[in-house]
């Protein structure tokens, strides 16, 4: 814990270290609580400034509180991430080498899929390919349960996806290995997303970003190339403020599948 942080900043950081990830609403409440307890100056709508002050002191520790977006509903989250390495460093103390290998394989299986999902059957079959140490499918099932409990993976109806925490934490790895996996609207990493079917365009958008961009449009067109957008438009209850501000676009020229994910 950095010694020169104020008491309010230290309390906030301690809570982040315990939770790992928090949605923006809880972070705002925690920010206010920390300031009130330690009689610090609380300024509404200045959460980012408060977090940036903590990040300044975290640099020597190769840690950072990073903001990201839930691919499910567009809600913003803050996560405490490890910057010492771009691959699975933070998990090393909680998982054995063969468990980490299974997680890496599962993550790549999800990222390589057409829809950002992988079935439990396909992931459990990966246990036979683990090389660091043999793993039985029963052991792999327990690892998957822990990965869900620790908020690295999400599970629904027997299918697994990368959690918001995982995407925020593993963003450098995903950007490096899957360079096209960036949303054209918010420019965060996009795993579950839709893509323009124009092979010369190929931009990608998160489902929440698609819902926002095409809200109220009976005939949506790609915001980049203006071709017709053939995918089903999701109906999500999101607001403009829930999405990060856009930066510079990074279009892709890969062809899309019927789910809107690129074939690799």
C-alpha atoms as a PDB file:
ATOM      1  CA  UNK A   1       0.000   0.000   0.000  1.00  0.00           C
ATOM      2  CA  UNK A   2       1.565   3.363  -1.024  1.00  0.00           C
ATOM      3  CA  UNK A   3       2.480   5.329   2.117  1.00  0.00           C
ATOM      4  CA  UNK A   4       1.900   8.811   0.712  1.00  0.00           C
ATOM      5  CA  UNK A   5      -1.767   8.296  -0.200  1.00  0.00           C
ATOM      6  CA  UNK A   6      -4.372  10.133   1.877  1.00  0.00           C
ATOM      7  CA  UNK A   7      -6.541   8.069   4.228  1.00  0.00           C
ATOM      8  CA  UNK A   8      -9.560   8.415   1.932  1.00  0.00           C
ATOM      9  CA  UNK A   9      -7.562   7.175  -1.055  1.00  0.00           C
ATOM     10  CA  UNK A  10      -6.096   4.312   0.959  1.00  0.00           C
ATOM     11  CA  UNK A  11      -9.521   3.144   2.112  1.00  0.00           C
ATOM     12  CA  UNK A  12     -10.827   3.240  -1.453  1.00  0.00           C
ATOM     13  CA  UNK A  13      -7.831   1.234  -2.680  1.00  0.00           C
ATOM     14  CA  UNK A  14      -8.246  -1.347   0.091  1.00  0.00           C
ATOM     15  CA  UNK A  15     -11.859  -1.912  -0.957  1.00  0.00           C
ATOM     16  CA  UNK A  16     -10.787  -2.276  -4.594  1.00  0.00           C
ATOM     17  CA  UNK A  17      -8.129  -4.797  -3.601  1.00  0.00           C
ATOM     18  CA  UNK A  18     -10.761  -6.879  -1.802  1.00  0.00           C
ATOM     19  CA  UNK A  19     -13.403  -6.712  -4.547  1.00  0.00           C
ATOM     20  CA  UNK A  20     -11.193  -6.692  -7.639  1.00  0.00           C
ATOM     21  CA  UNK A  21     -13.933  -5.060  -9.700  1.00  0.00           C
ATOM     22  CA  UNK A  22     -16.805  -2.676  -8.970  1.00  0.00           C
ATOM     23  CA  UNK A  23     -19.482  -1.047 -11.109  1.00  0.00           C
ATOM     24  CA  UNK A  24     -19.442   2.722 -11.452  1.00  0.00           C
ATOM     25  CA  UNK A  25     -22.405   3.201  -9.109  1.00  0.00           C
ATOM     26  CA  UNK A  26     -20.703   1.314  -6.262  1.00  0.00           C
ATOM     27  CA  UNK A  27     -17.438   3.135  -6.952  1.00  0.00           C
ATOM     28  CA  UNK A  28     -19.174   6.491  -6.674  1.00  0.00           C
ATOM     29  CA  UNK A  29     -20.796   5.437  -3.399  1.00  0.00           C
ATOM     30  CA  UNK A  30     -17.457   4.190  -2.076  1.00  0.00           C
ATOM     31  CA  UNK A  31     -15.745   7.428  -3.149  1.00  0.00           C
ATOM     32  CA  UNK A  32     -18.311   9.462  -1.213  1.00  0.00           C
ATOM     33  CA  UNK A  33     -18.103   7.172   1.832  1.00  0.00           C
ATOM     34  CA  UNK A  34     -14.287   7.349   1.966  1.00  0.00           C
ATOM     35  CA  UNK A  35     -14.333  11.134   1.814  1.00  0.00           C
ATOM     36  CA  UNK A  36     -16.993  11.413   4.522  1.00  0.00           C
ATOM     37  CA  UNK A  37     -15.265   8.992   6.917  1.00  0.00           C
ATOM     38  CA  UNK A  38     -11.919  10.759   6.634  1.00  0.00           C
ATOM     39  CA  UNK A  39     -13.388  14.272   6.296  1.00  0.00           C
ATOM     40  CA  UNK A  40     -11.859  14.767   2.855  1.00  0.00           C
ATOM     41  CA  UNK A  41     -13.220  17.106   0.216  1.00  0.00           C
ATOM     42  CA  UNK A  42     -15.908  15.188  -1.688  1.00  0.00           C
ATOM     43  CA  UNK A  43     -16.631  16.591  -5.151  1.00  0.00           C
ATOM     44  CA  UNK A  44     -19.498  14.896  -7.037  1.00  0.00           C
ATOM     45  CA  UNK A  45     -18.708  13.745 -10.591  1.00  0.00           C
ATOM     46  CA  UNK A  46     -14.967  13.760  -9.819  1.00  0.00           C
ATOM     47  CA  UNK A  47     -14.538  10.007  -9.329  1.00  0.00           C
ATOM     48  CA  UNK A  48     -12.079   9.784 -12.231  1.00  0.00           C
ATOM     49  CA  UNK A  49      -9.865  12.471 -10.704  1.00  0.00           C
ATOM     50  CA  UNK A  50      -9.955  10.641  -7.375  1.00  0.00           C
ATOM     51  CA  UNK A  51      -9.001   7.343  -9.060  1.00  0.00           C
ATOM     52  CA  UNK A  52      -6.280   9.000 -11.147  1.00  0.00           C
ATOM     53  CA  UNK A  53      -4.651  10.288  -7.961  1.00  0.00           C
ATOM     54  CA  UNK A  54      -4.489   6.702  -6.685  1.00  0.00           C
ATOM     55  CA  UNK A  55      -3.116   5.483 -10.027  1.00  0.00           C
ATOM     56  CA  UNK A  56      -0.292   8.015  -9.835  1.00  0.00           C
ATOM     57  CA  UNK A  57       0.930   6.347  -6.644  1.00  0.00           C
ATOM     58  CA  UNK A  58       0.338   2.834  -7.966  1.00  0.00           C
ATOM     59  CA  UNK A  59       2.742   3.193 -10.910  1.00  0.00           C
ATOM     60  CA  UNK A  60       5.849   1.956  -9.015  1.00  0.00           C
ATOM     61  CA  UNK A  61       3.842  -1.118  -7.983  1.00  0.00           C
ATOM     62  CA  UNK A  62       2.830  -1.892 -11.587  1.00  0.00           C
ATOM     63  CA  UNK A  63      -0.829  -1.679 -10.608  1.00  0.00           C
ATOM     64  CA  UNK A  64      -3.621   0.408 -12.087  1.00  0.00           C
ATOM     65  CA  UNK A  65      -7.346   0.969 -11.556  1.00  0.00           C
ATOM     66  CA  UNK A  66      -8.716   0.687 -15.075  1.00  0.00           C
ATOM     67  CA  UNK A  67     -12.185   1.540 -16.347  1.00  0.00           C
ATOM     68  CA  UNK A  68     -13.979  -0.806 -18.747  1.00  0.00           C
ATOM     69  CA  UNK A  69     -17.427  -1.697 -20.017  1.00  0.00           C
ATOM     70  CA  UNK A  70     -19.699  -4.674 -19.492  1.00  0.00           C
ATOM     71  CA  UNK A  71     -20.453  -6.259 -22.851  1.00  0.00           C
ATOM     72  CA  UNK A  72     -23.795  -7.402 -21.489  1.00  0.00           C
ATOM     73  CA  UNK A  73     -25.444  -4.101 -20.588  1.00  0.00           C
ATOM     74  CA  UNK A  74     -22.991  -1.301 -21.345  1.00  0.00           C
ATOM     75  CA  UNK A  75     -22.433  -0.471 -17.670  1.00  0.00           C
ATOM     76  CA  UNK A  76     -19.019   0.922 -16.749  1.00  0.00           C
ATOM     77  CA  UNK A  77     -16.810  -0.890 -14.234  1.00  0.00           C
ATOM     78  CA  UNK A  78     -13.542  -0.148 -12.448  1.00  0.00           C
ATOM     79  CA  UNK A  79     -11.058  -2.977 -11.910  1.00  0.00           C
ATOM     80  CA  UNK A  80      -7.692  -3.144 -10.175  1.00  0.00           C
ATOM     81  CA  UNK A  81      -5.293  -4.681 -12.694  1.00  0.00           C
ATOM     82  CA  UNK A  82      -1.696  -5.885 -12.673  1.00  0.00           C
ATOM     83  CA  UNK A  83       0.549  -4.174 -15.245  1.00  0.00           C
ATOM     84  CA  UNK A  84       3.681  -6.217 -14.538  1.00  0.00           C
ATOM     85  CA  UNK A  85       2.829  -8.611 -17.361  1.00  0.00           C
ATOM     86  CA  UNK A  86       0.191  -8.794 -20.045  1.00  0.00           C
ATOM     87  CA  UNK A  87      -0.717 -12.423 -19.421  1.00  0.00           C
ATOM     88  CA  UNK A  88      -2.345 -13.948 -16.357  1.00  0.00           C
ATOM     89  CA  UNK A  89       0.207 -12.607 -13.836  1.00  0.00           C
ATOM     90  CA  UNK A  90      -2.437 -11.541 -11.356  1.00  0.00           C
ATOM     91  CA  UNK A  91      -3.853 -15.075 -11.234  1.00  0.00           C
ATOM     92  CA  UNK A  92      -0.537 -16.827 -10.584  1.00  0.00           C
ATOM     93  CA  UNK A  93      -0.927 -16.899  -6.809  1.00  0.00           C
ATOM     94  CA  UNK A  94      -4.449 -18.337  -6.954  1.00  0.00           C
ATOM     95  CA  UNK A  95      -4.091 -21.030  -9.621  1.00  0.00           C
ATOM     96  CA  UNK A  96      -1.594 -23.775 -10.392  1.00  0.00           C
ATOM     97  CA  UNK A  97       0.322 -23.920 -13.683  1.00  0.00           C
ATOM     98  CA  UNK A  98      -1.983 -26.478 -15.271  1.00  0.00           C
ATOM     99  CA  UNK A  99      -5.064 -24.533 -14.134  1.00  0.00           C
ATOM    100  CA  UNK A 100      -3.637 -21.380 -15.717  1.00  0.00           C
ATOM    101  CA  UNK A 101      -2.934 -23.312 -18.894  1.00  0.00           C
ATOM    102  CA  UNK A 102      -6.552 -24.494 -19.001  1.00  0.00           C
ATOM    103  CA  UNK A 103      -7.734 -20.911 -18.504  1.00  0.00           C
ATOM    104  CA  UNK A 104      -5.505 -19.651 -21.333  1.00  0.00           C
ATOM    105  CA  UNK A 105      -6.857 -22.339 -23.639  1.00  0.00           C
ATOM    106  CA  UNK A 106     -10.441 -21.586 -22.638  1.00  0.00           C
ATOM    107  CA  UNK A 107      -9.905 -17.863 -23.175  1.00  0.00           C
ATOM    108  CA  UNK A 108      -8.448 -18.449 -26.657  1.00  0.00           C
ATOM    109  CA  UNK A 109     -11.337 -20.797 -27.479  1.00  0.00           C
ATOM    110  CA  UNK A 110     -13.813 -18.063 -26.537  1.00  0.00           C
ATOM    111  CA  UNK A 111     -11.922 -15.369 -28.455  1.00  0.00           C
ATOM    112  CA  UNK A 112     -11.660 -17.592 -31.542  1.00  0.00           C
ATOM    113  CA  UNK A 113     -15.375 -18.422 -31.522  1.00  0.00           C
ATOM    114  CA  UNK A 114     -17.956 -16.822 -33.788  1.00  0.00           C
ATOM    115  CA  UNK A 115     -20.074 -15.496 -30.936  1.00  0.00           C
ATOM    116  CA  UNK A 116     -17.690 -14.938 -28.013  1.00  0.00           C
ATOM    117  CA  UNK A 117     -18.924 -18.080 -26.265  1.00  0.00           C
ATOM    118  CA  UNK A 118     -17.612 -21.589 -25.626  1.00  0.00           C
ATOM    119  CA  UNK A 119     -19.598 -24.588 -24.417  1.00  0.00           C
ATOM    120  CA  UNK A 120     -18.681 -26.374 -21.202  1.00  0.00           C
ATOM    121  CA  UNK A 121     -18.142 -29.556 -23.239  1.00  0.00           C
ATOM    122  CA  UNK A 122     -15.583 -27.909 -25.519  1.00  0.00           C
ATOM    123  CA  UNK A 123     -13.726 -26.359 -22.582  1.00  0.00           C
ATOM    124  CA  UNK A 124     -13.673 -29.601 -20.606  1.00  0.00           C
ATOM    125  CA  UNK A 125     -12.264 -31.371 -23.656  1.00  0.00           C
ATOM    126  CA  UNK A 126      -9.313 -28.996 -23.397  1.00  0.00           C
ATOM    127  CA  UNK A 127      -8.288 -30.797 -20.208  1.00  0.00           C
ATOM    128  CA  UNK A 128      -6.838 -33.576 -22.388  1.00  0.00           C
ATOM    129  CA  UNK A 129      -4.531 -31.054 -24.095  1.00  0.00           C
ATOM    130  CA  UNK A 130      -3.042 -29.520 -20.922  1.00  0.00           C
ATOM    131  CA  UNK A 131       0.695 -30.213 -21.018  1.00  0.00           C
ATOM    132  CA  UNK A 132       2.051 -28.770 -17.741  1.00  0.00           C
ATOM    133  CA  UNK A 133       0.361 -31.496 -15.691  1.00  0.00           C
ATOM    134  CA  UNK A 134      -2.367 -33.985 -16.561  1.00  0.00           C
ATOM    135  CA  UNK A 135      -5.864 -32.872 -15.609  1.00  0.00           C
ATOM    136  CA  UNK A 136      -9.012 -34.960 -15.319  1.00  0.00           C
ATOM    137  CA  UNK A 137     -12.323 -33.572 -16.572  1.00  0.00           C
ATOM    138  CA  UNK A 138     -13.629 -33.633 -13.010  1.00  0.00           C
ATOM    139  CA  UNK A 139     -10.735 -31.396 -11.955  1.00  0.00           C
ATOM    140  CA  UNK A 140     -11.378 -29.139 -14.955  1.00  0.00           C
ATOM    141  CA  UNK A 141     -15.010 -28.751 -13.863  1.00  0.00           C
ATOM    142  CA  UNK A 142     -13.852 -27.534 -10.463  1.00  0.00           C
ATOM    143  CA  UNK A 143     -11.441 -25.074 -12.076  1.00  0.00           C
ATOM    144  CA  UNK A 144     -14.268 -23.666 -14.216  1.00  0.00           C
ATOM    145  CA  UNK A 145     -16.414 -23.224 -11.106  1.00  0.00           C
ATOM    146  CA  UNK A 146     -13.615 -21.299  -9.392  1.00  0.00           C
ATOM    147  CA  UNK A 147     -13.044 -19.135 -12.467  1.00  0.00           C
ATOM    148  CA  UNK A 148     -16.722 -18.180 -12.406  1.00  0.00           C
ATOM    149  CA  UNK A 149     -16.718 -17.596  -8.631  1.00  0.00           C
ATOM    150  CA  UNK A 150     -13.623 -15.391  -8.936  1.00  0.00           C
ATOM    151  CA  UNK A 151     -15.258 -13.413 -11.767  1.00  0.00           C
ATOM    152  CA  UNK A 152     -12.849 -14.408 -14.545  1.00  0.00           C
ATOM    153  CA  UNK A 153     -15.503 -16.231 -16.567  1.00  0.00           C
ATOM    154  CA  UNK A 154     -19.297 -16.015 -16.836  1.00  0.00           C
ATOM    155  CA  UNK A 155     -21.543 -19.028 -17.318  1.00  0.00           C
ATOM    156  CA  UNK A 156     -25.080 -19.152 -18.683  1.00  0.00           C
ATOM    157  CA  UNK A 157     -26.945 -22.227 -19.884  1.00  0.00           C
ATOM    158  CA  UNK A 158     -23.754 -24.247 -20.180  1.00  0.00           C
ATOM    159  CA  UNK A 159     -21.878 -21.633 -22.209  1.00  0.00           C
ATOM    160  CA  UNK A 160     -18.935 -19.598 -20.969  1.00  0.00           C
ATOM    161  CA  UNK A 161     -17.871 -16.061 -21.839  1.00  0.00           C
ATOM    162  CA  UNK A 162     -15.146 -13.731 -20.628  1.00  0.00           C
ATOM    163  CA  UNK A 163     -16.240 -11.661 -17.656  1.00  0.00           C
ATOM    164  CA  UNK A 164     -15.941  -7.900 -17.535  1.00  0.00           C
ATOM    165  CA  UNK A 165     -13.107  -8.295 -15.039  1.00  0.00           C
ATOM    166  CA  UNK A 166     -11.261 -10.671 -17.358  1.00  0.00           C
ATOM    167  CA  UNK A 167     -11.598  -8.388 -20.379  1.00  0.00           C
ATOM    168  CA  UNK A 168     -10.352  -5.367 -18.417  1.00  0.00           C
ATOM    169  CA  UNK A 169      -7.475  -7.309 -16.840  1.00  0.00           C
ATOM    170  CA  UNK A 170      -6.434  -9.128 -20.030  1.00  0.00           C
ATOM    171  CA  UNK A 171      -6.960  -6.194 -22.382  1.00  0.00           C
ATOM    172  CA  UNK A 172      -3.259  -5.897 -23.402  1.00  0.00           C
ATOM    173  CA  UNK A 173      -3.120  -9.621 -24.242  1.00  0.00           C
ATOM    174  CA  UNK A 174      -6.375  -9.510 -26.232  1.00  0.00           C
ATOM    175  CA  UNK A 175      -5.337  -6.390 -28.129  1.00  0.00           C
ATOM    176  CA  UNK A 176      -1.945  -7.899 -28.948  1.00  0.00           C
ATOM    177  CA  UNK A 177      -3.150 -11.325 -30.087  1.00  0.00           C
ATOM    178  CA  UNK A 178      -6.559 -10.320 -31.498  1.00  0.00           C
ATOM    179  CA  UNK A 179      -5.769  -6.936 -32.978  1.00  0.00           C
ATOM    180  CA  UNK A 180      -9.173  -6.499 -34.652  1.00  0.00           C
ATOM    181  CA  UNK A 181     -11.099  -7.004 -31.395  1.00  0.00           C
ATOM    182  CA  UNK A 182     -11.916  -3.332 -30.804  1.00  0.00           C
ATOM    183  CA  UNK A 183     -15.323  -1.648 -30.810  1.00  0.00           C
ATOM    184  CA  UNK A 184     -15.640   1.132 -33.408  1.00  0.00           C
ATOM    185  CA  UNK A 185     -17.807   3.197 -31.048  1.00  0.00           C
ATOM    186  CA  UNK A 186     -16.244   3.038 -27.566  1.00  0.00           C
ATOM    187  CA  UNK A 187     -12.867   1.571 -28.674  1.00  0.00           C
ATOM    188  CA  UNK A 188     -12.720  -0.893 -25.829  1.00  0.00           C
ATOM    189  CA  UNK A 189     -11.940  -4.552 -26.494  1.00  0.00           C
ATOM    190  CA  UNK A 190     -14.987  -6.223 -28.058  1.00  0.00           C
ATOM    191  CA  UNK A 191     -15.485  -9.974 -27.658  1.00  0.00           C
ATOM    192  CA  UNK A 192     -19.259 -10.380 -27.966  1.00  0.00           C
ATOM    193  CA  UNK A 193     -20.047  -8.031 -30.816  1.00  0.00           C
ATOM    194  CA  UNK A 194     -21.419  -7.507 -34.328  1.00  0.00           C
ATOM    195  CA  UNK A 195     -19.399  -6.717 -37.452  1.00  0.00           C
ATOM    196  CA  UNK A 196     -20.118  -4.926 -40.693  1.00  0.00           C
ATOM    197  CA  UNK A 197     -20.430  -7.465 -43.524  1.00  0.00           C
ATOM    198  CA  UNK A 198     -18.671  -5.194 -46.016  1.00  0.00           C
ATOM    199  CA  UNK A 199     -15.274  -6.908 -46.465  1.00  0.00           C
ATOM    200  CA  UNK A 200     -13.644  -3.519 -47.070  1.00  0.00           C
ATOM    201  CA  UNK A 201     -15.010  -2.189 -43.791  1.00  0.00           C
ATOM    202  CA  UNK A 202     -15.444  -4.889 -41.151  1.00  0.00           C
ATOM    203  CA  UNK A 203     -15.884  -2.553 -38.175  1.00  0.00           C
ATOM    204  CA  UNK A 204     -17.097  -4.128 -34.943  1.00  0.00           C
ATOM    205  CA  UNK A 205     -19.450  -2.850 -32.271  1.00  0.00           C
ATOM    206  CA  UNK A 206     -20.433  -4.156 -28.841  1.00  0.00           C
ATOM    207  CA  UNK A 207     -24.080  -5.145 -28.496  1.00  0.00           C
ATOM    208  CA  UNK A 208     -24.746  -2.219 -26.110  1.00  0.00           C
ATOM    209  CA  UNK A 209     -23.030   0.146 -28.568  1.00  0.00           C
ATOM    210  CA  UNK A 210     -25.097  -1.279 -31.438  1.00  0.00           C
ATOM    211  CA  UNK A 211     -28.252  -0.690 -29.399  1.00  0.00           C
ATOM    212  CA  UNK A 212     -27.249   2.899 -28.724  1.00  0.00           C
ATOM    213  CA  UNK A 213     -26.095   3.782 -32.240  1.00  0.00           C
ATOM    214  CA  UNK A 214     -29.100   2.291 -34.018  1.00  0.00           C
ATOM    215  CA  UNK A 215     -31.755   3.206 -31.468  1.00  0.00           C
ATOM    216  CA  UNK A 216     -34.961   4.182 -33.270  1.00  0.00           C
ATOM    217  CA  UNK A 217     -33.567   3.417 -36.753  1.00  0.00           C
ATOM    218  CA  UNK A 218     -35.845   1.076 -38.775  1.00  0.00           C
ATOM    219  CA  UNK A 219     -33.125   0.590 -41.424  1.00  0.00           C
ATOM    220  CA  UNK A 220     -29.726   0.832 -39.725  1.00  0.00           C
ATOM    221  CA  UNK A 221     -26.595   1.449 -41.759  1.00  0.00           C
ATOM    222  CA  UNK A 222     -22.955   1.003 -40.815  1.00  0.00           C
ATOM    223  CA  UNK A 223     -21.627   4.228 -39.266  1.00  0.00           C
ATOM    224  CA  UNK A 224     -18.362   3.801 -41.205  1.00  0.00           C
ATOM    225  CA  UNK A 225     -19.181   2.601 -44.740  1.00  0.00           C
ATOM    226  CA  UNK A 226     -22.961   3.266 -44.724  1.00  0.00           C
ATOM    227  CA  UNK A 227     -23.822  -0.256 -45.935  1.00  0.00           C
ATOM    228  CA  UNK A 228     -27.007  -1.806 -44.571  1.00  0.00           C
ATOM    229  CA  UNK A 229     -26.495  -3.377 -41.126  1.00  0.00           C
ATOM    230  CA  UNK A 230     -28.044  -6.860 -41.466  1.00  0.00           C
ATOM    231  CA  UNK A 231     -27.767  -8.041 -37.846  1.00  0.00           C
ATOM    232  CA  UNK A 232     -30.578  -8.103 -35.340  1.00  0.00           C
ATOM    233  CA  UNK A 233     -30.434  -4.975 -33.219  1.00  0.00           C
ATOM    234  CA  UNK A 234     -30.373  -5.832 -29.495  1.00  0.00           C
ATOM    235  CA  UNK A 235     -32.772  -4.089 -27.143  1.00  0.00           C
ATOM    236  CA  UNK A 236     -30.800  -2.960 -24.118  1.00  0.00           C
ATOM    237  CA  UNK A 237     -31.662  -0.422 -21.466  1.00  0.00           C
ATOM    238  CA  UNK A 238     -28.564   1.754 -21.703  1.00  0.00           C
ATOM    239  CA  UNK A 239     -27.862   5.451 -21.669  1.00  0.00           C
ATOM    240  CA  UNK A 240     -25.279   7.570 -23.430  1.00  0.00           C
ATOM    241  CA  UNK A 241     -23.476   8.220 -20.135  1.00  0.00           C
ATOM    242  CA  UNK A 242     -22.910   4.525 -19.549  1.00  0.00           C
ATOM    243  CA  UNK A 243     -20.570   4.205 -22.507  1.00  0.00           C
ATOM    244  CA  UNK A 244     -16.943   5.430 -22.550  1.00  0.00           C
ATOM    245  CA  UNK A 245     -16.116   8.395 -24.744  1.00  0.00           C
ATOM    246  CA  UNK A 246     -14.945   7.330 -28.225  1.00  0.00           C
ATOM    247  CA  UNK A 247     -11.353   7.723 -29.341  1.00  0.00           C
ATOM    248  CA  UNK A 248      -9.755   7.170 -32.725  1.00  0.00           C
ATOM    249  CA  UNK A 249     -11.376   4.355 -34.759  1.00  0.00           C
ATOM    250  CA  UNK A 250      -9.509   1.257 -35.805  1.00  0.00           C
ATOM    251  CA  UNK A 251     -11.417  -0.523 -38.596  1.00  0.00           C
ATOM    252  CA  UNK A 252     -10.742  -4.109 -39.550  1.00  0.00           C
ATOM    253  CA  UNK A 253     -10.900  -5.732 -42.965  1.00  0.00           C
ATOM    254  CA  UNK A 254     -11.631  -9.291 -41.829  1.00  0.00           C
ATOM    255  CA  UNK A 255     -14.694 -11.095 -43.124  1.00  0.00           C
ATOM    256  CA  UNK A 256     -17.503 -11.743 -40.682  1.00  0.00           C
ATOM    257  CA  UNK A 257     -19.526 -14.784 -39.745  1.00  0.00           C
ATOM    258  CA  UNK A 258     -23.292 -14.794 -39.430  1.00  0.00           C
ATOM    259  CA  UNK A 259     -22.897 -13.968 -35.739  1.00  0.00           C
ATOM    260  CA  UNK A 260     -20.837 -10.877 -36.461  1.00  0.00           C
ATOM    261  CA  UNK A 261     -17.571 -12.364 -35.229  1.00  0.00           C
ATOM    262  CA  UNK A 262     -14.537 -12.709 -37.568  1.00  0.00           C
ATOM    263  CA  UNK A 263     -13.396 -16.074 -38.775  1.00  0.00           C
ATOM    264  CA  UNK A 264      -9.741 -16.592 -37.870  1.00  0.00           C
END
